[in-house]
Amino acid sequence: FKNKGVQPLLDAVVEYLPSPIDVPAIKGVDAKTDAEIERHADDNEPLSMLAFKIMNDPFVGSLTFARIYSGKLTKGTSLDNTVKGKKERIGRMLQMHANSRADIEEAYAGDIVALAGLKDTTTGDTLCDPLHPVILERMEFPDPVIQIAIEPKTKNDQEKMGLALHRLAAEDPSFRVKTDEESGQTIIAGMGELHLDIIVDRMRREFKVEANVGAPQVAYRETITRTHEQDYTHKKQTGGTGQFARVKIIFEPNTESEEFVFESKIVGGAVPKEYIPGVEKGINSVMGSGPFAGFPMIGVKATLVDGAFHDVDSSVLAFEIASRACFKEAAPRLGVQLLEPIMKVEVVTPEDYVGGVIGDLNGRRGQIQGQEARGVAVVINAMVPLANMFKYVDNLRSMSQGRAQYTMQFDHYEPVPTAVAQEVQKKYA
């Protein structure tokens, strides 16, 4: 369905939602001191604006949509991108109205403008007055949970596909593109089947690129469940200058976040400080491919506690190699565990089909969180592994005669049951 209810919705936005001057001041932080700053919707305050969308226009090129929170924007102004640490000059400014656009010279607090030709600004960046630097609320973008292989149908499509994917990734921070190192395939990753279906459809419609698409794959993760201290010495002698590095590293689960954390507790110069970045780089390089089935690792903390070096044979590279091998040697003792993305699913269905919907979700390893009435319909909330949600829309339509609908979004990662983990390992390891 297209163009259904759009006008009443926009009328309601104008009538019922608060105007920029009715809402509280937006909070940000000083780009230099990290002190909290408030910016009010006032034309006389220093300029601050947030880029919230990138779009490719066939006539204008790349457009950056930005909301002005304070101050006045004039064509030709130079601004700071405080997130990237870059400068941007405001060239062409446009006021957008549906699919039409009008050039403007000035814009004010509360306005939404489209800026053409910005070089380094992406979604979530702050642009502001260089004399009053501020970083407004950062946008958090979740990691993709599903990926598919994609290849151009013809040689003519190949170059166009690369350009199309680059532009689409610039527009959408939750969409990622990478090349599989082993197969050489192009892999696209996103937040769900529908997300990637739309990407492929846009490639065909907007960029005239025809592509073959593989079966969707779950973006699993790996983590460690045990703590282990590993001592490793890298020694290599080939005639001339050799390589020598010894590291002792404690690997443990990072219970505070999913990030990889590296810490050095070296005292007395056992490892010179110029070599320590090599240790971190080496461990970080193996986090992209875990030992269980080759999926990225999360929630790992590594602490360098001791080591040794040679005056001639040691180097940053030697310590990088040593730390990489140290993790690989420690891995069998770390209790590596496979994690799967768990989706928060909401199904809205007529009451007649509630039993069937709940039974189906349970059969997909889902956990029902609750249900509530919404008008004449029933809303069912559940947590379901993404691996069991492929083609769910087709099943839901058939069991409800097309009357039920659902939404889902990533919620968290959870350990995979042993039997499922073994199947995944056979398939990918």
Protein backbone atom coordinates (compact mmCIF):
# COMPACT_ATOMS: atom_id res chain seq x y z
CA PHE A 1 0.00 0.00 0.00
CA LYS A 2 1.30 3.44 -0.90
CA ASN A 3 0.14 6.93 0.05
CA LYS A 4 -2.41 5.63 2.56
CA GLY A 5 -3.05 7.94 5.50
CA VAL A 6 0.07 10.06 4.97
CA GLN A 7 -1.73 13.41 4.82
CA PRO A 8 -3.82 12.88 8.00
CA LEU A 9 -0.67 11.73 9.81
CA LEU A 10 1.26 14.86 8.82
CA ASP A 11 -1.71 17.06 9.73
CA ALA A 12 -1.76 15.38 13.16
CA VAL A 13 1.98 16.03 13.59
CA VAL A 14 1.39 19.74 12.98
CA GLU A 15 -1.71 19.91 15.18
CA TYR A 16 -0.74 17.78 18.17
CA LEU A 17 3.03 17.49 18.53
CA PRO A 18 4.98 20.26 20.30
CA SER A 19 6.74 22.89 18.23
CA PRO A 20 10.53 23.39 18.69
CA ILE A 21 9.97 26.30 21.10
CA ASP A 22 7.65 24.22 23.29
CA VAL A 23 10.18 21.52 24.16
CA PRO A 24 12.92 21.71 26.82
CA ALA A 25 16.46 22.73 25.88
CA ILE A 26 18.54 19.98 24.31
CA LYS A 27 21.51 18.76 26.32
CA GLY A 28 24.98 18.23 24.91
CA VAL A 29 28.58 18.21 26.10
CA ASP A 30 31.35 20.73 25.56
CA ALA A 31 33.65 19.25 22.89
CA LYS A 32 36.73 20.44 24.84
CA THR A 33 35.85 19.99 28.52
CA ASP A 34 33.04 17.37 28.45
CA ALA A 35 30.96 19.69 30.67
CA GLU A 36 27.20 19.50 30.11
CA ILE A 37 25.75 22.28 27.93
CA GLU A 38 22.15 23.24 27.18
CA ARG A 39 21.09 24.74 23.87
CA HIS A 40 17.69 26.44 23.54
CA ALA A 41 15.59 26.86 20.39
CA ASP A 42 16.72 30.47 20.07
CA ASP A 43 18.07 32.18 16.93
CA ASN A 44 20.43 34.27 19.08
CA GLU A 45 22.22 31.31 20.68
CA PRO A 46 25.37 29.76 19.11
CA LEU A 47 24.56 27.53 16.14
CA SER A 48 24.18 23.80 16.83
CA MET A 49 22.59 21.20 14.57
CA LEU A 50 22.36 17.42 14.31
CA ALA A 51 22.66 15.43 11.06
CA PHE A 52 19.98 12.73 11.25
CA LYS A 53 19.71 11.36 7.70
CA ILE A 54 21.79 10.98 4.54
CA MET A 55 19.99 10.63 1.21
CA ASN A 56 21.14 10.38 -2.39
CA ASP A 57 19.15 12.65 -4.68
CA PRO A 58 19.40 11.90 -8.43
CA PHE A 59 19.54 15.63 -9.24
CA VAL A 60 21.50 17.10 -6.33
CA GLY A 61 23.71 14.20 -5.20
CA SER A 62 24.29 13.43 -1.54
CA LEU A 63 21.99 15.37 0.81
CA THR A 64 22.52 15.62 4.57
CA PHE A 65 19.32 16.32 6.50
CA ALA A 66 19.94 18.27 9.70
CA ARG A 67 17.81 19.67 12.51
CA ILE A 68 18.88 23.10 13.79
CA TYR A 69 18.55 23.12 17.57
CA SER A 70 19.87 26.62 18.20
CA GLY A 71 21.19 29.63 16.31
CA LYS A 72 20.91 30.76 12.73
CA LEU A 73 22.47 29.03 9.70
CA THR A 74 23.61 31.08 6.72
CA LYS A 75 24.81 29.82 3.35
CA GLY A 76 28.61 29.94 3.08
CA THR A 77 29.21 29.46 6.81
CA SER A 78 32.10 27.24 7.98
CA LEU A 79 31.17 24.87 10.80
CA ASP A 80 32.92 22.30 12.98
CA ASN A 81 31.93 18.64 12.89
CA THR A 82 32.76 17.98 16.55
CA VAL A 83 32.25 14.21 16.32
CA LYS A 84 34.72 13.73 13.45
CA GLY A 85 36.99 16.68 14.28
CA LYS A 86 36.56 18.04 10.73
CA LYS A 87 35.43 21.33 9.21
CA GLU A 88 32.51 21.64 6.80
CA ARG A 89 31.51 24.58 4.61
CA ILE A 90 27.78 25.04 4.03
CA GLY A 91 27.25 25.41 0.29
CA ARG A 92 23.83 24.71 -1.14
CA MET A 93 20.96 24.74 1.38
CA LEU A 94 17.57 23.28 0.49
CA GLN A 95 14.12 23.29 2.04
CA MET A 96 12.47 19.98 1.21
CA HIS A 97 8.75 19.53 0.66
CA ALA A 98 7.82 15.96 -0.30
CA ASN A 99 9.66 15.41 -3.60
CA SER A 100 10.18 19.11 -4.37
CA ARG A 101 13.02 21.29 -3.11
CA ALA A 102 13.71 25.01 -2.87
CA ASP A 103 17.05 26.77 -2.43
CA ILE A 104 17.28 28.92 0.70
CA GLU A 105 19.91 31.33 2.03
CA GLU A 106 19.13 31.13 5.75
CA ALA A 107 17.57 28.74 8.28
CA TYR A 108 16.67 29.17 11.93
CA ALA A 109 16.35 27.28 15.22
CA GLY A 110 13.78 24.50 14.87
CA ASP A 111 14.15 24.22 11.08
CA ILE A 112 15.04 21.05 9.20
CA VAL A 113 17.33 21.68 6.23
CA ALA A 114 18.97 19.56 3.54
CA LEU A 115 22.63 20.38 2.92
CA ALA A 116 24.34 19.43 -0.34
CA GLY A 117 28.00 18.55 -0.71
CA LEU A 118 29.12 17.86 2.87
CA LYS A 119 32.25 15.70 2.73
CA ASP A 120 32.76 14.11 6.15
CA THR A 121 29.40 14.35 7.93
CA THR A 122 27.40 11.18 8.56
CA THR A 123 24.24 10.32 10.49
CA GLY A 124 24.50 11.31 14.16
CA ASP A 125 27.21 13.98 13.72
CA THR A 126 26.97 17.43 15.30
CA LEU A 127 27.70 20.60 13.28
CA CYS A 128 28.23 23.78 15.28
CA ASP A 129 29.77 27.22 15.61
CA PRO A 130 33.59 26.75 15.82
CA LEU A 131 33.76 29.29 18.68
CA HIS A 132 31.20 27.38 20.76
CA PRO A 133 31.90 23.66 20.15
CA VAL A 134 29.29 21.21 21.39
CA ILE A 135 28.48 17.54 20.83
CA LEU A 136 24.74 16.87 20.86
CA GLU A 137 23.17 13.52 21.76
CA ARG A 138 24.94 10.69 19.99
CA MET A 139 22.91 8.22 17.97
CA GLU A 140 23.55 4.58 18.84
CA PHE A 141 23.28 2.14 15.94
CA PRO A 142 22.92 -1.58 16.71
CA ASP A 143 25.16 -4.15 15.08
CA PRO A 144 23.53 -6.15 12.25
CA VAL A 145 21.99 -9.48 13.20
CA ILE A 146 21.47 -11.04 9.76
CA GLN A 147 23.64 -11.28 6.67
CA ILE A 148 23.40 -12.58 3.11
CA ALA A 149 25.81 -13.07 0.24
CA ILE A 150 25.07 -10.99 -2.84
CA GLU A 151 26.57 -11.04 -6.32
CA PRO A 152 25.87 -9.10 -9.52
CA LYS A 153 23.98 -10.95 -12.25
CA THR A 154 26.16 -9.60 -15.07
CA LYS A 155 29.60 -8.04 -15.45
CA ASN A 156 27.87 -4.77 -16.25
CA ASP A 157 26.15 -4.89 -12.85
CA GLN A 158 29.41 -5.46 -10.96
CA GLU A 159 30.76 -1.91 -10.90
CA LYS A 160 27.29 -0.43 -10.39
CA MET A 161 26.67 -2.77 -7.44
CA GLY A 162 29.78 -1.55 -5.62
CA LEU A 163 28.70 2.07 -6.04
CA ALA A 164 25.11 1.32 -5.01
CA LEU A 165 26.15 -0.54 -1.85
CA HIS A 166 28.58 2.24 -0.90
CA ARG A 167 25.86 4.88 -1.18
CA LEU A 168 23.25 2.80 0.64
CA ALA A 169 25.70 2.12 3.49
CA ALA A 170 26.41 5.86 3.74
CA GLU A 171 22.67 6.50 4.11
CA ASP A 172 21.96 3.77 6.66
CA PRO A 173 24.40 3.22 9.58
CA SER A 174 22.71 -0.06 10.56
CA PHE A 175 23.49 -1.53 7.11
CA ARG A 176 27.02 -2.94 6.59
CA VAL A 177 28.94 -4.25 3.60
CA LYS A 178 32.04 -6.44 3.74
CA THR A 179 33.98 -8.91 1.61
CA ASP A 180 34.41 -12.47 2.87
CA GLU A 181 38.18 -13.06 2.97
CA GLU A 182 37.96 -16.77 2.18
CA SER A 183 35.31 -16.85 -0.56
CA GLY A 184 35.69 -13.31 -1.92
CA GLN A 185 31.90 -12.92 -1.78
CA THR A 186 30.26 -9.60 -1.01
CA ILE A 187 28.29 -9.88 2.25
CA ILE A 188 25.56 -7.42 3.20
CA ALA A 189 24.30 -7.29 6.77
CA GLY A 190 21.29 -5.61 8.38
CA MET A 191 18.65 -5.71 11.08
CA GLY A 192 16.34 -8.30 9.54
CA GLU A 193 15.05 -9.99 6.39
CA LEU A 194 12.79 -7.06 5.50
CA HIS A 195 15.67 -4.59 5.93
CA LEU A 196 17.83 -6.49 3.42
CA ASP A 197 14.89 -7.10 1.06
CA ILE A 198 14.38 -3.33 0.90
CA ILE A 199 18.11 -2.77 0.24
CA VAL A 200 18.07 -5.24 -2.68
CA ASP A 201 14.85 -3.70 -4.02
CA ARG A 202 16.33 -0.19 -3.85
CA MET A 203 19.43 -1.38 -5.71
CA ARG A 204 17.19 -2.59 -8.50
CA ARG A 205 14.87 0.46 -8.62
CA GLU A 206 17.25 3.34 -7.92
CA PHE A 207 20.57 2.05 -9.23
CA LYS A 208 19.36 -0.39 -11.93
CA VAL A 209 21.47 -3.20 -10.46
CA GLU A 210 20.28 -6.80 -10.76
CA ALA A 211 21.75 -9.18 -8.18
CA ASN A 212 21.58 -12.80 -7.04
CA VAL A 213 20.98 -13.12 -3.31
CA GLY A 214 21.96 -16.05 -1.08
CA ALA A 215 20.08 -17.53 1.86
CA PRO A 216 20.05 -15.36 5.00
CA GLN A 217 22.52 -16.24 7.76
CA VAL A 218 22.39 -15.36 11.44
CA ALA A 219 25.14 -13.05 12.72
CA TYR A 220 26.25 -15.20 15.66
CA ARG A 221 28.83 -14.01 18.19
CA GLU A 222 31.31 -15.83 20.43
CA THR A 223 32.43 -15.08 23.97
CA ILE A 224 34.48 -16.63 26.77
CA THR A 225 33.13 -17.95 30.08
CA ARG A 226 36.33 -18.71 32.02
CA THR A 227 39.44 -16.84 33.16
CA HIS A 228 42.89 -18.11 32.20
CA GLU A 229 46.45 -16.78 32.38
CA GLN A 230 48.60 -17.68 29.38
CA ASP A 231 52.36 -17.26 28.97
CA TYR A 232 53.69 -17.31 25.41
CA THR A 233 57.11 -16.69 23.88
CA HIS A 234 57.56 -15.88 20.20
CA LYS A 235 61.10 -16.58 18.98
CA LYS A 236 62.28 -16.67 15.39
CA GLN A 237 65.83 -16.62 14.03
CA THR A 238 66.53 -16.43 10.29
CA GLY A 239 70.17 -15.51 9.81
CA GLY A 240 70.00 -11.74 10.39
CA THR A 241 67.90 -9.91 12.93
CA GLY A 242 65.48 -12.28 14.61
CA GLN A 243 62.14 -11.85 16.35
CA PHE A 244 61.62 -12.15 20.09
CA ALA A 245 58.68 -11.33 22.34
CA ARG A 246 57.30 -12.88 25.51
CA VAL A 247 53.87 -12.02 26.90
CA LYS A 248 51.87 -13.17 29.90
CA ILE A 249 48.20 -12.27 29.50
CA ILE A 250 45.11 -12.87 31.63
CA PHE A 251 42.00 -13.45 29.50
CA GLU A 252 38.66 -13.09 31.30
CA PRO A 253 34.98 -12.37 30.54
CA ASN A 254 34.16 -8.66 30.37
CA THR A 255 31.02 -8.58 32.50
CA GLU A 256 30.42 -4.83 32.10
CA SER A 257 29.94 -4.60 28.33
CA GLU A 258 30.21 -6.48 25.05
CA GLU A 259 33.30 -4.48 24.07
CA PHE A 260 36.84 -5.86 23.88
CA VAL A 261 38.88 -4.30 26.70
CA PHE A 262 42.69 -4.30 26.88
CA GLU A 263 44.64 -3.29 29.97
CA SER A 264 48.36 -3.20 30.73
CA LYS A 265 49.63 -3.82 34.26
CA ILE A 266 53.28 -3.91 33.29
CA VAL A 267 55.62 -2.54 35.96
CA GLY A 268 59.37 -2.10 35.87
CA GLY A 269 59.63 -2.06 32.08
CA ALA A 270 59.25 -5.83 31.54
CA VAL A 271 57.66 -4.82 28.23
CA PRO A 272 58.69 -1.34 26.97
CA LYS A 273 55.70 0.97 26.55
CA GLU A 274 56.33 1.38 22.80
CA TYR A 275 55.64 -2.37 22.32
CA ILE A 276 52.38 -2.48 24.31
CA PRO A 277 50.17 -1.17 21.43
CA GLY A 278 51.43 -4.15 19.41
CA VAL A 279 50.13 -6.52 22.10
CA GLU A 280 46.69 -4.89 21.98
CA LYS A 281 46.65 -4.89 18.18
CA GLY A 282 47.53 -8.58 18.04
CA ILE A 283 44.71 -9.64 20.37
CA ASN A 284 42.26 -7.29 18.67
CA SER A 285 43.07 -8.85 15.29
CA VAL A 286 41.81 -12.28 16.40
CA MET A 287 38.59 -10.91 17.93
CA GLY A 288 37.06 -10.74 14.44
CA SER A 289 37.10 -14.53 14.05
CA GLY A 290 36.46 -16.64 17.14
CA PRO A 291 37.86 -20.15 17.70
CA PHE A 292 34.47 -21.91 17.95
CA ALA A 293 33.02 -21.22 14.49
CA GLY A 294 34.77 -18.11 13.18
CA PHE A 295 32.25 -15.51 14.39
CA PRO A 296 33.29 -12.17 15.94
CA MET A 297 34.03 -12.26 19.66
CA ILE A 298 32.41 -9.99 22.24
CA GLY A 299 32.77 -9.50 25.99
CA VAL A 300 36.50 -10.27 26.28
CA LYS A 301 38.98 -8.55 28.61
CA ALA A 302 42.74 -9.04 28.19
CA THR A 303 45.26 -7.86 30.78
CA LEU A 304 48.99 -7.85 30.03
CA VAL A 305 50.72 -8.67 33.35
CA ASP A 306 54.27 -9.65 32.39
CA GLY A 307 56.62 -10.22 29.50
CA ALA A 308 60.17 -9.99 28.23
CA PHE A 309 62.01 -8.39 25.32
CA HIS A 310 65.36 -8.48 23.53
CA ASP A 311 67.34 -5.30 22.87
CA VAL A 312 67.90 -6.21 19.20
CA ASP A 313 65.31 -8.77 18.17
CA SER A 314 62.15 -7.31 19.74
CA SER A 315 59.73 -5.09 17.81
CA VAL A 316 56.09 -4.02 17.78
CA LEU A 317 55.44 -6.70 15.13
CA ALA A 318 57.03 -9.42 17.28
CA PHE A 319 54.76 -8.52 20.21
CA GLU A 320 51.76 -8.41 17.89
CA ILE A 321 52.52 -11.94 16.68
CA ALA A 322 53.14 -13.15 20.25
CA SER A 323 49.85 -11.81 21.64
CA ARG A 324 47.89 -13.23 18.72
CA ALA A 325 49.40 -16.68 19.29
CA CYS A 326 48.93 -16.30 23.05
CA PHE A 327 45.16 -15.98 22.64
CA LYS A 328 44.97 -18.92 20.24
CA GLU A 329 46.89 -21.09 22.71
CA ALA A 330 44.66 -19.97 25.59
CA ALA A 331 41.37 -20.42 23.69
CA PRO A 332 40.75 -24.13 24.54
CA ARG A 333 40.87 -23.22 28.27
CA LEU A 334 38.57 -20.19 28.06
CA GLY A 335 35.23 -21.97 27.70
CA VAL A 336 34.37 -20.33 24.37
CA GLN A 337 30.61 -20.11 23.93
CA LEU A 338 28.42 -19.40 20.90
CA LEU A 339 25.84 -16.60 21.26
CA GLU A 340 22.79 -15.92 19.11
CA PRO A 341 20.75 -12.73 18.62
CA ILE A 342 17.44 -12.75 20.49
CA MET A 343 14.69 -10.64 18.95
CA LYS A 344 11.94 -8.77 20.75
CA VAL A 345 8.82 -9.79 18.79
CA GLU A 346 5.40 -8.13 18.96
CA VAL A 347 2.50 -9.83 17.19
CA VAL A 348 -0.86 -8.07 16.78
CA THR A 349 -3.57 -10.61 15.96
CA PRO A 350 -7.34 -11.07 16.12
CA GLU A 351 -8.35 -13.03 19.24
CA ASP A 352 -9.37 -16.08 17.18
CA TYR A 353 -5.74 -16.80 16.27
CA VAL A 354 -4.03 -16.18 19.64
CA GLY A 355 -3.62 -19.88 20.48
CA GLY A 356 -2.07 -20.70 17.11
CA VAL A 357 0.30 -17.73 17.24
CA ILE A 358 1.52 -18.57 20.76
CA GLY A 359 1.97 -22.24 19.86
CA ASP A 360 3.97 -21.29 16.78
CA LEU A 361 6.22 -18.91 18.75
CA ASN A 362 6.86 -21.60 21.38
CA GLY A 363 7.81 -23.98 18.58
CA ARG A 364 10.42 -21.44 17.45
CA ARG A 365 12.17 -21.58 20.86
CA GLY A 366 10.34 -18.39 21.80
CA GLN A 367 9.58 -17.22 25.33
CA ILE A 368 6.20 -15.50 25.69
CA GLN A 369 6.58 -12.34 27.79
CA GLY A 370 2.89 -11.52 28.02
CA GLN A 371 -0.20 -10.46 26.11
CA GLU A 372 -2.65 -7.57 26.29
CA ALA A 373 -5.77 -6.31 24.55
CA ARG A 374 -5.48 -3.47 22.05
CA GLY A 375 -8.94 -2.56 20.79
CA VAL A 376 -10.40 -5.68 19.20
CA ALA A 377 -6.95 -7.23 18.73
CA VAL A 378 -4.52 -9.00 21.06
CA VAL A 379 -0.85 -8.02 21.35
CA ILE A 380 1.56 -10.87 22.09
CA ASN A 381 5.10 -10.03 23.25
CA ALA A 382 7.85 -12.63 23.00
CA MET A 383 11.62 -13.14 22.88
CA VAL A 384 12.58 -15.40 19.97
CA PRO A 385 15.97 -16.43 18.52
CA LEU A 386 16.51 -14.80 15.14
CA ALA A 387 17.55 -18.16 13.67
CA ASN A 388 13.95 -19.33 14.06
CA MET A 389 12.28 -16.22 12.63
CA PHE A 390 13.17 -16.61 8.95
CA LYS A 391 10.08 -16.55 6.70
CA TYR A 392 7.92 -15.95 9.77
CA VAL A 393 5.80 -13.41 7.92
CA ASP A 394 4.58 -16.11 5.50
CA ASN A 395 3.63 -18.46 8.35
CA LEU A 396 1.86 -15.70 10.25
CA ARG A 397 -0.18 -14.70 7.22
CA SER A 398 -1.27 -18.25 6.49
CA MET A 399 -2.28 -19.06 10.09
CA SER A 400 -4.24 -15.78 10.49
CA GLN A 401 -5.67 -15.50 6.96
CA GLY A 402 -3.52 -12.41 6.48
CA ARG A 403 -5.04 -10.54 9.44
CA ALA A 404 -2.12 -10.65 11.92
CA GLN A 405 1.03 -8.58 11.70
CA TYR A 406 4.30 -8.42 13.61
CA THR A 407 7.34 -6.30 14.32
CA MET A 408 10.68 -7.38 15.72
CA GLN A 409 13.88 -5.75 16.84
CA PHE A 410 17.19 -6.96 18.25
CA ASP A 411 17.20 -7.17 22.05
CA HIS A 412 20.28 -9.05 23.28
CA TYR A 413 22.64 -11.99 22.73
CA GLU A 414 22.10 -15.28 24.55
CA PRO A 415 24.01 -18.61 24.69
CA VAL A 416 22.97 -21.10 22.02
CA PRO A 417 21.69 -24.52 23.20
CA THR A 418 24.42 -27.17 22.91
CA ALA A 419 22.75 -29.18 20.13
CA VAL A 420 22.17 -26.05 18.02
CA ALA A 421 25.73 -24.83 18.68
CA GLN A 422 27.15 -28.12 17.41
CA GLU A 423 25.12 -27.82 14.19
CA VAL A 424 26.34 -24.25 13.67
CA GLN A 425 29.93 -25.33 14.30
CA LYS A 426 29.66 -28.13 11.71
CA LYS A 427 28.28 -25.68 9.17
CA TYR A 428 30.72 -22.79 9.64
CA ALA A 429 33.90 -24.01 11.34
